[in-house]
Amino acid sequence: MELFNRCPEEERWRSLPSWGPEPPAPSGHSWRSLMGRALRLARRAARRGEVPVGALVVDASGRILAEAHNETECSRDPTAHAEVLALRRAALAAGNHRLGGCVLVVTLEPCLMCTGAIRESRVSGVVFGASDARAGAVMSCLEGLDYAQTGSAPWSYGGVEAEKCAAVLTAFFREKRPQ
């Protein structure tokens, strides 16, 4: 059976403009500054041979509870996505698995697995950078945060520093998979 990739690698990560009204950022921060911090985590992941995705969880007062980048290669754990690791660490820091009032900031639109973890964590919102035409489960391929049957859904806001986020991913895979 031959698999057909409908989305060429160079078109996978898109820098779509932000949409909708911009939600207020936590005290002492802007979404751009928080995404800049997540981008530094993504670059660290790339240097370690991991897919360059960075994430952090910030509470309403502006305190960063946790930061993470992808660790699937070094941990040999398929669930070690930046979002899941950041949520796990934030829950430990908060002393509660429910993170109401917190926001997850991540450089790439979360996949379906991560949207499940996001919903279970009860974060109030998700801010992401680049959209993912192959696996994005917030708005690109699926709407994984919006299942009405499972209670209230976190809000989402995408496109923050999207060009920079997409560029980090594109550069990483261009180096890993030269043509």
N, C-alpha and C. Protein backbone atom coordinates (compact mmCIF):
# COMPACT_ATOMS: atom_id res chain seq x y z
N MET A 1 0.84 -1.17 0.00
CA MET A 1 0.00 0.00 0.00
C MET A 1 0.89 1.24 0.00
N GLU A 2 0.66 2.13 -0.91
CA GLU A 2 1.45 3.35 -1.00
C GLU A 2 0.72 4.48 -0.29
N LEU A 3 1.44 5.15 0.59
CA LEU A 3 0.85 6.28 1.29
C LEU A 3 1.05 7.54 0.47
N PHE A 4 0.05 8.36 0.44
CA PHE A 4 0.12 9.60 -0.30
C PHE A 4 0.06 10.76 0.67
N ASN A 5 1.07 11.59 0.65
CA ASN A 5 1.14 12.74 1.52
C ASN A 5 0.49 13.92 0.80
N ARG A 6 -0.65 14.34 1.27
CA ARG A 6 -1.37 15.42 0.61
C ARG A 6 -0.83 16.80 0.97
N CYS A 7 0.06 16.86 1.90
CA CYS A 7 0.58 18.15 2.32
C CYS A 7 2.10 18.11 2.25
N PRO A 8 2.69 18.76 1.25
CA PRO A 8 4.17 18.76 1.16
C PRO A 8 4.79 19.38 2.41
N GLU A 9 5.97 18.88 2.76
CA GLU A 9 6.65 19.33 3.98
C GLU A 9 6.77 20.85 4.05
N GLU A 10 7.09 21.48 2.91
CA GLU A 10 7.29 22.94 2.94
C GLU A 10 6.01 23.72 3.17
N GLU A 11 4.87 23.03 3.08
CA GLU A 11 3.59 23.71 3.32
C GLU A 11 2.93 23.28 4.61
N ARG A 12 3.58 22.39 5.36
CA ARG A 12 2.94 21.84 6.55
C ARG A 12 2.71 22.89 7.62
N TRP A 13 3.75 23.63 7.98
CA TRP A 13 3.63 24.62 9.05
C TRP A 13 3.32 25.96 8.43
N ARG A 14 2.19 26.47 8.80
CA ARG A 14 1.72 27.70 8.18
C ARG A 14 1.72 28.84 9.19
N SER A 15 2.02 29.99 8.68
CA SER A 15 2.00 31.17 9.52
C SER A 15 0.74 31.97 9.21
N LEU A 16 -0.37 31.45 9.66
CA LEU A 16 -1.64 32.13 9.45
C LEU A 16 -1.73 33.32 10.39
N PRO A 17 -2.42 34.37 9.96
CA PRO A 17 -2.57 35.51 10.86
C PRO A 17 -3.47 35.14 12.04
N SER A 18 -3.32 35.87 13.12
CA SER A 18 -4.19 35.67 14.28
C SER A 18 -5.62 35.98 13.88
N TRP A 19 -6.55 35.35 14.55
CA TRP A 19 -7.95 35.60 14.23
C TRP A 19 -8.72 35.89 15.51
N GLY A 20 -9.83 36.59 15.36
CA GLY A 20 -10.70 36.89 16.50
C GLY A 20 -10.10 37.92 17.42
N PRO A 21 -10.85 38.29 18.41
CA PRO A 21 -10.33 39.27 19.37
C PRO A 21 -9.21 38.66 20.21
N GLU A 22 -8.17 39.41 20.42
CA GLU A 22 -7.04 38.91 21.20
C GLU A 22 -7.42 38.88 22.67
N PRO A 23 -7.30 37.72 23.31
CA PRO A 23 -7.61 37.64 24.74
C PRO A 23 -6.54 38.39 25.54
N PRO A 24 -6.91 38.90 26.70
CA PRO A 24 -5.90 39.60 27.50
C PRO A 24 -4.81 38.64 27.98
N ALA A 25 -3.58 39.09 27.89
CA ALA A 25 -2.44 38.29 28.35
C ALA A 25 -2.35 38.36 29.87
N PRO A 26 -1.72 37.37 30.50
CA PRO A 26 -1.55 37.40 31.96
C PRO A 26 -0.75 38.62 32.39
N SER A 27 -0.94 39.01 33.60
CA SER A 27 -0.29 40.19 34.17
C SER A 27 1.22 40.17 33.96
N GLY A 28 1.74 41.29 33.45
CA GLY A 28 3.17 41.44 33.26
C GLY A 28 3.74 40.84 31.99
N HIS A 29 2.87 40.31 31.13
CA HIS A 29 3.32 39.65 29.91
C HIS A 29 2.50 40.10 28.71
N SER A 30 3.04 39.83 27.53
CA SER A 30 2.27 39.91 26.29
C SER A 30 2.33 38.52 25.68
N TRP A 31 1.41 38.22 24.77
CA TRP A 31 1.46 36.91 24.11
C TRP A 31 2.75 36.76 23.32
N ARG A 32 3.23 37.86 22.73
CA ARG A 32 4.47 37.80 21.96
C ARG A 32 5.66 37.47 22.86
N SER A 33 5.72 38.07 24.05
CA SER A 33 6.85 37.79 24.95
C SER A 33 6.81 36.34 25.44
N LEU A 34 5.62 35.85 25.74
CA LEU A 34 5.49 34.45 26.17
C LEU A 34 5.84 33.50 25.03
N MET A 35 5.42 33.84 23.81
CA MET A 35 5.77 32.99 22.67
C MET A 35 7.26 33.04 22.41
N GLY A 36 7.89 34.18 22.64
CA GLY A 36 9.35 34.27 22.50
C GLY A 36 10.05 33.30 23.44
N ARG A 37 9.52 33.18 24.63
CA ARG A 37 10.09 32.24 25.60
C ARG A 37 9.88 30.80 25.13
N ALA A 38 8.69 30.51 24.60
CA ALA A 38 8.41 29.17 24.07
C ALA A 38 9.31 28.87 22.86
N LEU A 39 9.59 29.88 22.04
CA LEU A 39 10.48 29.70 20.90
C LEU A 39 11.91 29.35 21.35
N ARG A 40 12.36 29.95 22.44
CA ARG A 40 13.68 29.59 22.96
C ARG A 40 13.71 28.12 23.37
N LEU A 41 12.63 27.64 23.95
CA LEU A 41 12.54 26.22 24.31
C LEU A 41 12.55 25.34 23.06
N ALA A 42 11.84 25.79 22.02
CA ALA A 42 11.81 25.03 20.76
C ALA A 42 13.21 24.93 20.16
N ARG A 43 13.94 26.03 20.18
CA ARG A 43 15.31 26.01 19.64
C ARG A 43 16.21 25.08 20.45
N ARG A 44 16.01 25.04 21.75
CA ARG A 44 16.77 24.12 22.60
C ARG A 44 16.47 22.68 22.19
N ALA A 45 15.18 22.39 21.93
CA ALA A 45 14.80 21.05 21.48
C ALA A 45 15.52 20.70 20.19
N ALA A 46 15.56 21.63 19.24
CA ALA A 46 16.22 21.38 17.95
C ALA A 46 17.69 21.05 18.16
N ARG A 47 18.36 21.77 19.04
CA ARG A 47 19.78 21.50 19.30
C ARG A 47 19.98 20.10 19.87
N ARG A 48 18.98 19.57 20.51
CA ARG A 48 19.05 18.22 21.09
C ARG A 48 18.50 17.14 20.16
N GLY A 49 18.17 17.54 18.93
CA GLY A 49 17.68 16.58 17.95
C GLY A 49 16.20 16.25 18.07
N GLU A 50 15.48 17.02 18.86
CA GLU A 50 14.04 16.84 19.04
C GLU A 50 13.29 17.77 18.08
N VAL A 51 12.09 17.38 17.70
CA VAL A 51 11.26 18.27 16.89
C VAL A 51 11.07 19.56 17.70
N PRO A 52 11.37 20.71 17.10
CA PRO A 52 11.41 21.96 17.85
C PRO A 52 10.04 22.56 18.18
N VAL A 53 9.48 22.06 19.26
CA VAL A 53 8.23 22.61 19.80
C VAL A 53 8.49 22.94 21.26
N GLY A 54 8.11 24.15 21.66
CA GLY A 54 8.25 24.58 23.04
C GLY A 54 6.91 24.99 23.60
N ALA A 55 6.73 24.79 24.89
CA ALA A 55 5.46 25.13 25.53
C ALA A 55 5.71 25.60 26.96
N LEU A 56 4.79 26.40 27.45
CA LEU A 56 4.83 26.83 28.84
C LEU A 56 3.41 27.02 29.34
N VAL A 57 3.25 26.97 30.65
CA VAL A 57 1.96 27.20 31.30
C VAL A 57 2.13 28.39 32.22
N VAL A 58 1.25 29.36 32.06
CA VAL A 58 1.29 30.58 32.85
C VAL A 58 -0.05 30.75 33.56
N ASP A 59 0.00 31.16 34.83
CA ASP A 59 -1.26 31.36 35.55
C ASP A 59 -1.75 32.79 35.36
N ALA A 60 -2.92 33.08 35.88
CA ALA A 60 -3.55 34.38 35.66
C ALA A 60 -2.75 35.54 36.23
N SER A 61 -1.95 35.27 37.27
CA SER A 61 -1.15 36.33 37.87
C SER A 61 0.13 36.59 37.08
N GLY A 62 0.40 35.76 36.07
CA GLY A 62 1.59 35.94 35.25
C GLY A 62 2.75 35.05 35.64
N ARG A 63 2.57 34.22 36.65
CA ARG A 63 3.64 33.31 37.08
C ARG A 63 3.73 32.14 36.11
N ILE A 64 4.92 31.88 35.61
CA ILE A 64 5.13 30.72 34.74
C ILE A 64 5.31 29.50 35.62
N LEU A 65 4.34 28.59 35.52
CA LEU A 65 4.36 27.40 36.36
C LEU A 65 5.30 26.33 35.83
N ALA A 66 5.40 26.23 34.49
CA ALA A 66 6.22 25.17 33.92
C ALA A 66 6.58 25.50 32.48
N GLU A 67 7.69 24.93 32.05
CA GLU A 67 8.16 25.04 30.67
C GLU A 67 8.61 23.67 30.21
N ALA A 68 8.52 23.44 28.91
CA ALA A 68 8.99 22.15 28.37
C ALA A 68 9.20 22.28 26.87
N HIS A 69 9.97 21.34 26.33
CA HIS A 69 10.07 21.19 24.89
C HIS A 69 9.90 19.71 24.59
N ASN A 70 9.71 19.36 23.35
CA ASN A 70 9.55 17.96 22.99
C ASN A 70 10.72 17.14 23.51
N GLU A 71 10.43 15.95 24.00
CA GLU A 71 11.46 15.04 24.50
C GLU A 71 11.18 13.60 24.05
N THR A 72 10.49 13.45 22.94
CA THR A 72 10.12 12.10 22.50
C THR A 72 11.33 11.25 22.14
N GLU A 73 12.34 11.84 21.54
CA GLU A 73 13.53 11.09 21.12
C GLU A 73 14.38 10.69 22.33
N CYS A 74 14.70 11.64 23.18
CA CYS A 74 15.60 11.34 24.30
C CYS A 74 14.93 10.44 25.34
N SER A 75 13.63 10.54 25.50
CA SER A 75 12.93 9.73 26.49
C SER A 75 12.36 8.44 25.90
N ARG A 76 12.40 8.35 24.57
CA ARG A 76 11.79 7.22 23.87
C ARG A 76 10.34 7.03 24.31
N ASP A 77 9.65 8.17 24.39
CA ASP A 77 8.27 8.20 24.86
C ASP A 77 7.43 8.96 23.84
N PRO A 78 6.52 8.28 23.14
CA PRO A 78 5.73 8.96 22.12
C PRO A 78 4.79 10.02 22.66
N THR A 79 4.55 10.01 23.98
CA THR A 79 3.66 11.02 24.56
C THR A 79 4.42 12.23 25.10
N ALA A 80 5.72 12.26 24.96
CA ALA A 80 6.53 13.35 25.54
C ALA A 80 6.54 14.59 24.66
N HIS A 81 5.35 15.02 24.27
CA HIS A 81 5.22 16.27 23.53
C HIS A 81 5.37 17.44 24.51
N ALA A 82 5.80 18.57 24.00
CA ALA A 82 6.03 19.74 24.84
C ALA A 82 4.79 20.11 25.65
N GLU A 83 3.62 20.04 25.03
CA GLU A 83 2.38 20.42 25.71
C GLU A 83 2.11 19.51 26.90
N VAL A 84 2.22 18.20 26.69
CA VAL A 84 1.94 17.23 27.75
C VAL A 84 2.94 17.40 28.90
N LEU A 85 4.21 17.56 28.56
CA LEU A 85 5.23 17.73 29.60
C LEU A 85 5.01 19.02 30.38
N ALA A 86 4.67 20.10 29.70
CA ALA A 86 4.42 21.37 30.39
C ALA A 86 3.21 21.25 31.31
N LEU A 87 2.16 20.58 30.85
CA LEU A 87 0.97 20.40 31.69
C LEU A 87 1.28 19.54 32.92
N ARG A 88 2.05 18.46 32.73
CA ARG A 88 2.43 17.60 33.86
C ARG A 88 3.21 18.39 34.90
N ARG A 89 4.19 19.15 34.43
CA ARG A 89 5.04 19.92 35.34
C ARG A 89 4.25 21.04 36.02
N ALA A 90 3.33 21.65 35.29
CA ALA A 90 2.50 22.72 35.88
C ALA A 90 1.59 22.15 36.97
N ALA A 91 1.04 20.96 36.72
CA ALA A 91 0.17 20.33 37.73
C ALA A 91 0.97 20.05 39.01
N LEU A 92 2.20 19.59 38.85
CA LEU A 92 3.05 19.36 40.03
C LEU A 92 3.34 20.67 40.76
N ALA A 93 3.65 21.71 40.01
CA ALA A 93 3.96 23.01 40.61
C ALA A 93 2.74 23.60 41.32
N ALA A 94 1.56 23.41 40.73
CA ALA A 94 0.33 23.96 41.30
C ALA A 94 -0.22 23.08 42.42
N GLY A 95 0.23 21.83 42.47
CA GLY A 95 -0.30 20.91 43.46
C GLY A 95 -1.72 20.47 43.14
N ASN A 96 -2.09 20.54 41.86
CA ASN A 96 -3.44 20.17 41.45
C ASN A 96 -3.40 19.83 39.97
N HIS A 97 -4.07 18.76 39.58
CA HIS A 97 -4.11 18.39 38.17
C HIS A 97 -5.05 19.28 37.37
N ARG A 98 -5.87 20.04 38.04
CA ARG A 98 -6.76 20.98 37.35
C ARG A 98 -6.12 22.36 37.35
N LEU A 99 -5.94 22.88 36.16
CA LEU A 99 -5.19 24.13 35.98
C LEU A 99 -6.08 25.28 35.53
N GLY A 100 -7.28 25.36 36.07
CA GLY A 100 -8.19 26.45 35.73
C GLY A 100 -7.53 27.80 35.98
N GLY A 101 -7.78 28.74 35.08
CA GLY A 101 -7.17 30.06 35.18
C GLY A 101 -5.82 30.14 34.50
N CYS A 102 -5.26 29.01 34.11
CA CYS A 102 -3.95 28.99 33.44
C CYS A 102 -4.13 28.95 31.93
N VAL A 103 -3.07 29.33 31.24
CA VAL A 103 -3.04 29.30 29.78
C VAL A 103 -1.80 28.54 29.34
N LEU A 104 -1.98 27.68 28.34
CA LEU A 104 -0.87 26.97 27.71
C LEU A 104 -0.45 27.78 26.49
N VAL A 105 0.84 28.08 26.39
CA VAL A 105 1.40 28.78 25.24
C VAL A 105 2.33 27.81 24.56
N VAL A 106 2.13 27.56 23.25
CA VAL A 106 2.90 26.55 22.54
C VAL A 106 3.21 27.03 21.12
N THR A 107 4.37 26.67 20.62
CA THR A 107 4.83 27.18 19.33
C THR A 107 4.12 26.56 18.13
N LEU A 108 3.49 25.39 18.31
CA LEU A 108 2.82 24.70 17.21
C LEU A 108 1.42 24.29 17.65
N GLU A 109 0.47 24.40 16.75
CA GLU A 109 -0.89 23.97 17.03
C GLU A 109 -0.88 22.54 17.58
N PRO A 110 -1.49 22.31 18.74
CA PRO A 110 -1.47 20.98 19.35
C PRO A 110 -2.14 19.90 18.50
N CYS A 111 -1.62 18.67 18.64
CA CYS A 111 -2.18 17.50 17.98
C CYS A 111 -3.39 16.99 18.80
N LEU A 112 -4.02 15.95 18.30
CA LEU A 112 -5.20 15.41 18.97
C LEU A 112 -4.87 14.87 20.36
N MET A 113 -3.74 14.17 20.51
CA MET A 113 -3.36 13.67 21.83
C MET A 113 -3.22 14.83 22.81
N CYS A 114 -2.56 15.88 22.36
CA CYS A 114 -2.33 17.03 23.25
C CYS A 114 -3.62 17.77 23.57
N THR A 115 -4.55 17.86 22.61
CA THR A 115 -5.81 18.53 22.93
C THR A 115 -6.58 17.74 23.98
N GLY A 116 -6.45 16.42 23.98
CA GLY A 116 -7.07 15.63 25.03
C GLY A 116 -6.48 15.96 26.39
N ALA A 117 -5.17 16.05 26.47
CA ALA A 117 -4.51 16.42 27.72
C ALA A 117 -4.88 17.84 28.14
N ILE A 118 -4.98 18.73 27.19
CA ILE A 118 -5.36 20.12 27.48
C ILE A 118 -6.76 20.15 28.10
N ARG A 119 -7.69 19.44 27.49
CA ARG A 119 -9.06 19.40 28.02
C ARG A 119 -9.09 18.83 29.43
N GLU A 120 -8.34 17.73 29.64
CA GLU A 120 -8.33 17.10 30.97
C GLU A 120 -7.71 18.00 32.03
N SER A 121 -6.78 18.85 31.64
CA SER A 121 -6.11 19.73 32.60
C SER A 121 -6.98 20.90 33.03
N ARG A 122 -8.00 21.17 32.26
CA ARG A 122 -8.95 22.28 32.53
C ARG A 122 -8.30 23.66 32.43
N VAL A 123 -7.23 23.79 31.62
CA VAL A 123 -6.68 25.13 31.41
C VAL A 123 -7.77 26.01 30.81
N SER A 124 -7.66 27.29 31.03
CA SER A 124 -8.68 28.22 30.52
C SER A 124 -8.50 28.51 29.04
N GLY A 125 -7.24 28.49 28.56
CA GLY A 125 -7.00 28.83 27.17
C GLY A 125 -5.71 28.25 26.63
N VAL A 126 -5.61 28.29 25.30
CA VAL A 126 -4.43 27.83 24.58
C VAL A 126 -4.05 28.90 23.57
N VAL A 127 -2.79 29.29 23.58
CA VAL A 127 -2.25 30.23 22.60
C VAL A 127 -1.18 29.47 21.83
N PHE A 128 -1.28 29.47 20.50
CA PHE A 128 -0.26 28.78 19.71
C PHE A 128 0.26 29.66 18.60
N GLY A 129 1.42 29.26 18.07
CA GLY A 129 2.08 30.00 17.01
C GLY A 129 1.66 29.51 15.64
N ALA A 130 2.45 28.60 15.07
CA ALA A 130 2.18 28.09 13.72
C ALA A 130 1.06 27.07 13.75
N SER A 131 0.27 27.05 12.68
CA SER A 131 -0.73 26.00 12.54
C SER A 131 -0.08 24.80 11.87
N ASP A 132 -0.70 23.63 12.01
CA ASP A 132 -0.15 22.39 11.48
C ASP A 132 -1.17 21.74 10.55
N ALA A 133 -0.91 21.81 9.25
CA ALA A 133 -1.86 21.34 8.24
C ALA A 133 -2.03 19.82 8.25
N ARG A 134 -1.10 19.08 8.86
CA ARG A 134 -1.20 17.61 8.89
C ARG A 134 -1.79 17.06 10.17
N ALA A 135 -1.46 17.69 11.29
CA ALA A 135 -1.84 17.09 12.57
C ALA A 135 -2.47 18.07 13.55
N GLY A 136 -2.69 19.31 13.14
CA GLY A 136 -3.25 20.30 14.04
C GLY A 136 -4.67 19.96 14.44
N ALA A 137 -4.91 19.91 15.75
CA ALA A 137 -6.23 19.49 16.22
C ALA A 137 -6.95 20.59 17.00
N VAL A 138 -6.58 21.84 16.74
CA VAL A 138 -7.34 22.95 17.30
C VAL A 138 -8.24 23.55 16.23
N MET A 139 -7.66 23.72 15.01
CA MET A 139 -8.45 24.28 13.92
C MET A 139 -8.07 23.80 12.54
N SER A 140 -6.90 23.23 12.36
CA SER A 140 -6.44 22.88 11.01
C SER A 140 -7.06 21.59 10.48
N CYS A 141 -6.99 20.52 11.24
CA CYS A 141 -7.51 19.22 10.80
C CYS A 141 -8.76 18.81 11.58
N LEU A 142 -8.74 19.10 12.85
CA LEU A 142 -9.83 18.77 13.76
C LEU A 142 -10.07 19.94 14.69
N GLU A 143 -11.15 19.87 15.42
CA GLU A 143 -11.43 20.86 16.46
C GLU A 143 -11.50 20.13 17.79
N GLY A 144 -10.35 19.63 18.22
CA GLY A 144 -10.26 18.77 19.38
C GLY A 144 -10.56 19.43 20.71
N LEU A 145 -10.60 20.75 20.76
CA LEU A 145 -10.92 21.42 22.02
C LEU A 145 -12.42 21.66 22.17
N ASP A 146 -13.17 21.44 21.12
CA ASP A 146 -14.57 21.88 21.08
C ASP A 146 -15.62 20.79 21.21
N TYR A 147 -15.33 19.70 21.89
CA TYR A 147 -16.33 18.66 22.05
C TYR A 147 -17.31 19.06 23.14
N ALA A 148 -18.52 19.44 22.74
CA ALA A 148 -19.51 19.94 23.67
C ALA A 148 -19.89 18.92 24.74
N GLN A 149 -19.82 17.64 24.41
CA GLN A 149 -20.25 16.60 25.34
C GLN A 149 -19.31 16.44 26.54
N THR A 150 -18.16 17.06 26.50
CA THR A 150 -17.19 16.85 27.57
C THR A 150 -16.98 18.08 28.44
N GLY A 151 -17.98 18.91 28.59
CA GLY A 151 -17.87 20.07 29.45
C GLY A 151 -17.35 21.28 28.72
N SER A 152 -16.98 22.29 29.49
CA SER A 152 -16.55 23.54 28.88
C SER A 152 -15.21 23.38 28.18
N ALA A 153 -15.05 24.07 27.09
CA ALA A 153 -13.83 23.99 26.30
C ALA A 153 -12.96 25.22 26.55
N PRO A 154 -11.64 25.04 26.54
CA PRO A 154 -10.77 26.21 26.67
C PRO A 154 -10.84 27.05 25.40
N TRP A 155 -10.65 28.34 25.55
CA TRP A 155 -10.58 29.20 24.37
C TRP A 155 -9.23 28.97 23.69
N SER A 156 -9.14 29.36 22.44
CA SER A 156 -7.87 29.23 21.72
C SER A 156 -7.62 30.48 20.90
N TYR A 157 -6.35 30.79 20.76
CA TYR A 157 -5.92 31.95 19.98
C TYR A 157 -4.64 31.57 19.28
N GLY A 158 -4.64 31.54 17.95
CA GLY A 158 -3.48 31.11 17.19
C GLY A 158 -2.88 32.20 16.35
N GLY A 159 -1.69 31.93 15.86
CA GLY A 159 -1.02 32.86 14.95
C GLY A 159 -0.05 33.80 15.63
N VAL A 160 0.22 33.63 16.91
CA VAL A 160 1.15 34.52 17.63
C VAL A 160 2.58 34.14 17.22
N GLU A 161 3.28 35.08 16.66
CA GLU A 161 4.65 34.86 16.16
C GLU A 161 4.71 33.65 15.23
N ALA A 162 3.65 33.47 14.45
CA ALA A 162 3.51 32.28 13.61
C ALA A 162 4.66 32.13 12.62
N GLU A 163 5.11 33.21 12.01
CA GLU A 163 6.20 33.10 11.03
C GLU A 163 7.47 32.58 11.68
N LYS A 164 7.79 33.07 12.85
CA LYS A 164 9.00 32.62 13.55
C LYS A 164 8.86 31.15 13.97
N CYS A 165 7.69 30.79 14.45
CA CYS A 165 7.46 29.40 14.87
C CYS A 165 7.57 28.45 13.68
N ALA A 166 6.96 28.82 12.56
CA ALA A 166 7.02 27.98 11.36
C ALA A 166 8.45 27.90 10.83
N ALA A 167 9.19 28.98 10.90
CA ALA A 167 10.57 29.00 10.39
C ALA A 167 11.46 28.04 11.16
N VAL A 168 11.29 27.95 12.48
CA VAL A 168 12.10 27.03 13.29
C VAL A 168 11.84 25.59 12.86
N LEU A 169 10.58 25.24 12.66
CA LEU A 169 10.23 23.88 12.23
C LEU A 169 10.74 23.59 10.82
N THR A 170 10.54 24.52 9.92
CA THR A 170 10.98 24.33 8.54
C THR A 170 12.49 24.14 8.47
N ALA A 171 13.24 24.96 9.19
CA ALA A 171 14.70 24.84 9.18
C ALA A 171 15.14 23.49 9.76
N PHE A 172 14.51 23.06 10.82
CA PHE A 172 14.86 21.79 11.44
C PHE A 172 14.69 20.63 10.46
N PHE A 173 13.52 20.58 9.82
CA PHE A 173 13.26 19.46 8.92
C PHE A 173 14.02 19.58 7.60
N ARG A 174 14.34 20.77 7.18
CA ARG A 174 15.17 20.93 6.00
C ARG A 174 16.55 20.35 6.24
N GLU A 175 17.07 20.53 7.46
CA GLU A 175 18.37 19.98 7.82
C GLU A 175 18.29 18.46 8.01
N LYS A 176 17.21 17.98 8.61
CA LYS A 176 17.05 16.54 8.87
C LYS A 176 16.76 15.74 7.60
N ARG A 177 16.04 16.35 6.68
CA ARG A 177 15.60 15.65 5.47
C ARG A 177 15.99 16.42 4.22
N PRO A 178 17.28 16.54 3.96
CA PRO A 178 17.69 17.27 2.75
C PRO A 178 17.18 16.58 1.51
N GLN A 179 16.86 17.39 0.52
CA GLN A 179 16.26 16.83 -0.71
C GLN A 179 17.30 16.51 -1.74
